[in-house]
Amino acid sequence: MAKFFSSALRGGVCLALFAVTSAYAQILKDDAQWAESDVPNPPAFDVGKLVTFDVPTSPGLVYGVDPAAIQISREDGVVRYVVVATSPSGARNVMYEGLRCATGEFKTYARYSPDGQWKAAPNAEWRTVFGNMPSKHALRFARAGACDGAAAATTVDILVSRLKHPNYQSSN
């Protein structure tokens, strides 16, 4: 009897390992075929309509997004948004970014200059949200509701609702 359970357990472990390996291979295959769609121009934003989210690693800064400036692309799965970081003195840093939930990466496309113009970010490239950066705002935005595990939120309304209810916990 013990021999039966032992071989059944080994068979179950092998089956589970095969399933995990197959799923991982599918992700790698899908990722190799992934291409970013054309990035729209930075949308207009209104600092008076920001929905804020907590970024504990950046004390003193308040981060927010204007719901009207959030776009969820069904073509490439990227959540694009304008994020505004405001200091206690009122200084603002405004960035147009993309978040790729499937890989846990973000990209800064452009920065808003004090003269009211968008300036393309030099060397814009996908970076991990888990990296050792001064700000982890992209990670917090993902966890606050932009991502549902490895998938983007299904609608902007759902994403905004999650941001407004900070007790929301994603599966990230």
Protein backbone atom coordinates (compact mmCIF):
# COMPACT_ATOMS: atom_id res chain seq x y z
CA MET A 1 0.00 0.00 0.00
CA ALA A 2 2.80 2.43 0.88
CA LYS A 3 4.46 1.56 -2.41
CA PHE A 4 1.25 2.53 -4.26
CA PHE A 5 1.03 5.92 -2.49
CA SER A 6 4.72 6.54 -3.12
CA SER A 7 4.42 5.91 -6.87
CA ALA A 8 1.12 7.84 -7.01
CA LEU A 9 2.79 10.75 -5.21
CA ARG A 10 5.73 10.68 -7.63
CA GLY A 11 3.29 10.61 -10.54
CA GLY A 12 1.39 13.56 -9.09
CA VAL A 13 4.59 15.53 -8.55
CA CYS A 14 5.72 14.79 -12.11
CA LEU A 15 2.34 15.84 -13.47
CA ALA A 16 2.41 19.08 -11.45
CA LEU A 17 5.98 19.79 -12.56
CA PHE A 18 4.97 19.18 -16.19
CA ALA A 19 2.02 21.57 -15.84
CA VAL A 20 4.17 24.32 -14.31
CA THR A 21 6.88 23.85 -16.93
CA SER A 22 4.32 23.93 -19.73
CA ALA A 23 2.72 27.10 -18.34
CA TYR A 24 6.12 28.78 -18.00
CA ALA A 25 7.06 27.78 -21.53
CA GLN A 26 3.77 29.25 -22.76
CA ILE A 27 4.52 32.55 -20.98
CA LEU A 28 7.98 32.66 -22.55
CA LYS A 29 6.51 31.86 -25.97
CA ASP A 30 3.85 34.53 -25.59
CA ASP A 31 6.42 37.04 -24.33
CA ALA A 32 8.69 36.39 -27.32
CA GLN A 33 5.77 37.20 -29.61
CA TRP A 34 4.70 40.30 -27.65
CA ALA A 35 5.12 43.68 -29.27
CA GLU A 36 4.15 47.04 -27.87
CA SER A 37 1.45 48.77 -29.86
CA ASP A 38 1.85 52.35 -31.03
CA VAL A 39 1.98 54.54 -27.96
CA PRO A 40 -0.60 57.31 -28.02
CA ASN A 41 0.50 60.87 -27.30
CA PRO A 42 0.38 61.81 -23.62
CA PRO A 43 -3.21 62.57 -22.67
CA ALA A 44 -4.36 65.80 -21.03
CA PHE A 45 -4.59 65.61 -17.26
CA ASP A 46 -6.21 67.65 -14.50
CA VAL A 47 -4.39 67.85 -11.16
CA GLY A 48 -7.71 68.82 -9.59
CA LYS A 49 -9.11 65.38 -10.37
CA LEU A 50 -6.27 63.18 -9.12
CA VAL A 51 -7.06 59.94 -7.34
CA THR A 52 -4.19 59.39 -4.94
CA PHE A 53 -2.52 56.17 -3.86
CA ASP A 54 -0.07 55.43 -1.07
CA VAL A 55 3.65 54.99 -1.79
CA PRO A 56 5.23 54.28 1.62
CA THR A 57 8.77 54.28 0.20
CA SER A 58 8.38 57.95 -0.80
CA PRO A 59 7.40 59.73 2.41
CA GLY A 60 6.30 63.30 1.92
CA LEU A 61 5.28 62.82 -1.71
CA VAL A 62 1.67 62.38 -2.72
CA TYR A 63 1.10 60.31 -5.88
CA GLY A 64 -2.03 60.48 -7.96
CA VAL A 65 -3.50 59.74 -11.37
CA ASP A 66 -6.26 61.50 -13.27
CA PRO A 67 -8.80 58.81 -14.20
CA ALA A 68 -9.39 60.53 -17.56
CA ALA A 69 -5.70 60.00 -18.41
CA ILE A 70 -5.72 56.22 -17.83
CA GLN A 71 -5.81 53.97 -20.89
CA ILE A 72 -5.88 50.17 -20.88
CA SER A 73 -4.72 48.76 -24.20
CA ARG A 74 -6.30 45.46 -25.24
CA GLU A 75 -3.74 45.16 -28.07
CA ASP A 76 -0.64 44.87 -25.89
CA GLY A 77 -2.01 44.67 -22.33
CA VAL A 78 -0.30 47.88 -21.22
CA VAL A 79 -1.92 50.27 -18.76
CA ARG A 80 -0.88 53.80 -19.74
CA TYR A 81 -1.36 56.67 -17.32
CA VAL A 82 -0.16 60.08 -16.21
CA VAL A 83 1.19 60.00 -12.67
CA VAL A 84 1.70 63.15 -10.64
CA ALA A 85 4.04 63.23 -7.63
CA THR A 86 3.49 66.30 -5.47
CA SER A 87 5.88 67.42 -2.72
CA PRO A 88 4.77 69.15 0.49
CA SER A 89 5.94 72.47 -1.02
CA GLY A 90 3.64 71.93 -4.03
CA ALA A 91 6.35 71.06 -6.56
CA ARG A 92 5.16 68.49 -9.08
CA ASN A 93 6.85 65.79 -11.11
CA VAL A 94 4.53 64.55 -13.86
CA MET A 95 5.24 61.48 -15.98
CA TYR A 96 3.47 59.61 -18.74
CA GLU A 97 4.09 55.92 -18.13
CA GLY A 98 3.11 52.43 -19.21
CA LEU A 99 2.70 49.44 -16.91
CA ARG A 100 2.96 45.90 -18.21
CA CYS A 101 1.30 43.69 -15.60
CA ALA A 102 2.20 40.44 -17.37
CA THR A 103 5.92 41.03 -16.78
CA GLY A 104 5.94 43.42 -13.82
CA GLU A 105 7.57 46.19 -15.83
CA PHE A 106 6.99 49.88 -16.43
CA LYS A 107 8.28 52.48 -18.85
CA THR A 108 8.40 56.26 -18.62
CA TYR A 109 7.49 57.65 -22.03
CA ALA A 110 7.60 61.36 -21.27
CA ARG A 111 7.92 63.98 -18.53
CA TYR A 112 5.89 67.15 -18.24
CA SER A 113 8.07 70.24 -18.08
CA PRO A 114 7.35 73.39 -16.07
CA ASP A 115 6.69 75.23 -19.35
CA GLY A 116 3.69 72.97 -20.00
CA GLN A 117 5.25 70.76 -22.66
CA TRP A 118 5.78 67.01 -22.75
CA LYS A 119 9.41 65.99 -23.26
CA ALA A 120 10.13 62.46 -24.45
CA ALA A 121 12.06 60.45 -21.88
CA PRO A 122 15.55 59.65 -23.16
CA ASN A 123 16.30 55.94 -23.51
CA ALA A 124 12.75 54.89 -22.59
CA GLU A 125 12.90 51.19 -21.80
CA TRP A 126 10.95 48.65 -19.79
CA ARG A 127 12.20 48.35 -16.20
CA THR A 128 11.11 46.05 -13.43
CA VAL A 129 8.70 47.51 -10.88
CA PHE A 130 10.64 45.56 -8.25
CA GLY A 131 13.97 47.28 -8.98
CA ASN A 132 16.01 49.31 -6.54
CA MET A 133 14.72 52.75 -7.49
CA PRO A 134 14.15 55.77 -5.28
CA SER A 135 10.41 55.56 -5.96
CA LYS A 136 8.31 52.45 -6.15
CA HIS A 137 5.24 54.28 -7.41
CA ALA A 138 4.72 51.95 -10.40
CA LEU A 139 4.73 48.91 -8.08
CA ARG A 140 2.26 50.59 -5.73
CA PHE A 141 0.04 51.65 -8.65
CA ALA A 142 0.05 48.06 -9.90
CA ARG A 143 -0.84 46.68 -6.47
CA ALA A 144 -3.36 49.40 -5.73
CA GLY A 145 -5.51 48.22 -8.62
CA ALA A 146 -3.92 48.68 -12.04
CA CYS A 147 -3.04 44.99 -12.19
CA ASP A 148 -5.02 41.92 -11.27
CA GLY A 149 -2.20 39.45 -10.87
CA ALA A 150 -0.45 39.31 -14.24
CA ALA A 151 -3.35 40.94 -16.10
CA ALA A 152 -4.31 44.57 -16.44
CA ALA A 153 -7.50 45.71 -14.75
CA THR A 154 -10.36 45.00 -17.13
CA THR A 155 -11.70 48.57 -17.20
CA VAL A 156 -10.61 52.04 -16.11
CA ASP A 157 -13.70 52.23 -13.86
CA ILE A 158 -12.64 49.08 -12.00
CA LEU A 159 -9.07 50.38 -11.68
CA VAL A 160 -10.26 53.72 -10.28
CA SER A 161 -12.65 52.00 -7.89
CA ARG A 162 -9.74 49.94 -6.55
CA LEU A 163 -7.61 53.07 -6.12
CA LYS A 164 -10.42 54.75 -4.18
CA HIS A 165 -10.71 51.73 -1.87
CA PRO A 166 -7.19 51.17 -0.51
CA ASN A 167 -8.13 47.92 1.19
CA TYR A 168 -8.26 46.29 -2.24
CA GLN A 169 -5.60 43.59 -2.45
CA SER A 170 -4.50 42.30 -5.82
CA SER A 171 -2.92 38.90 -6.27
CA ASN A 172 0.47 40.47 -7.25
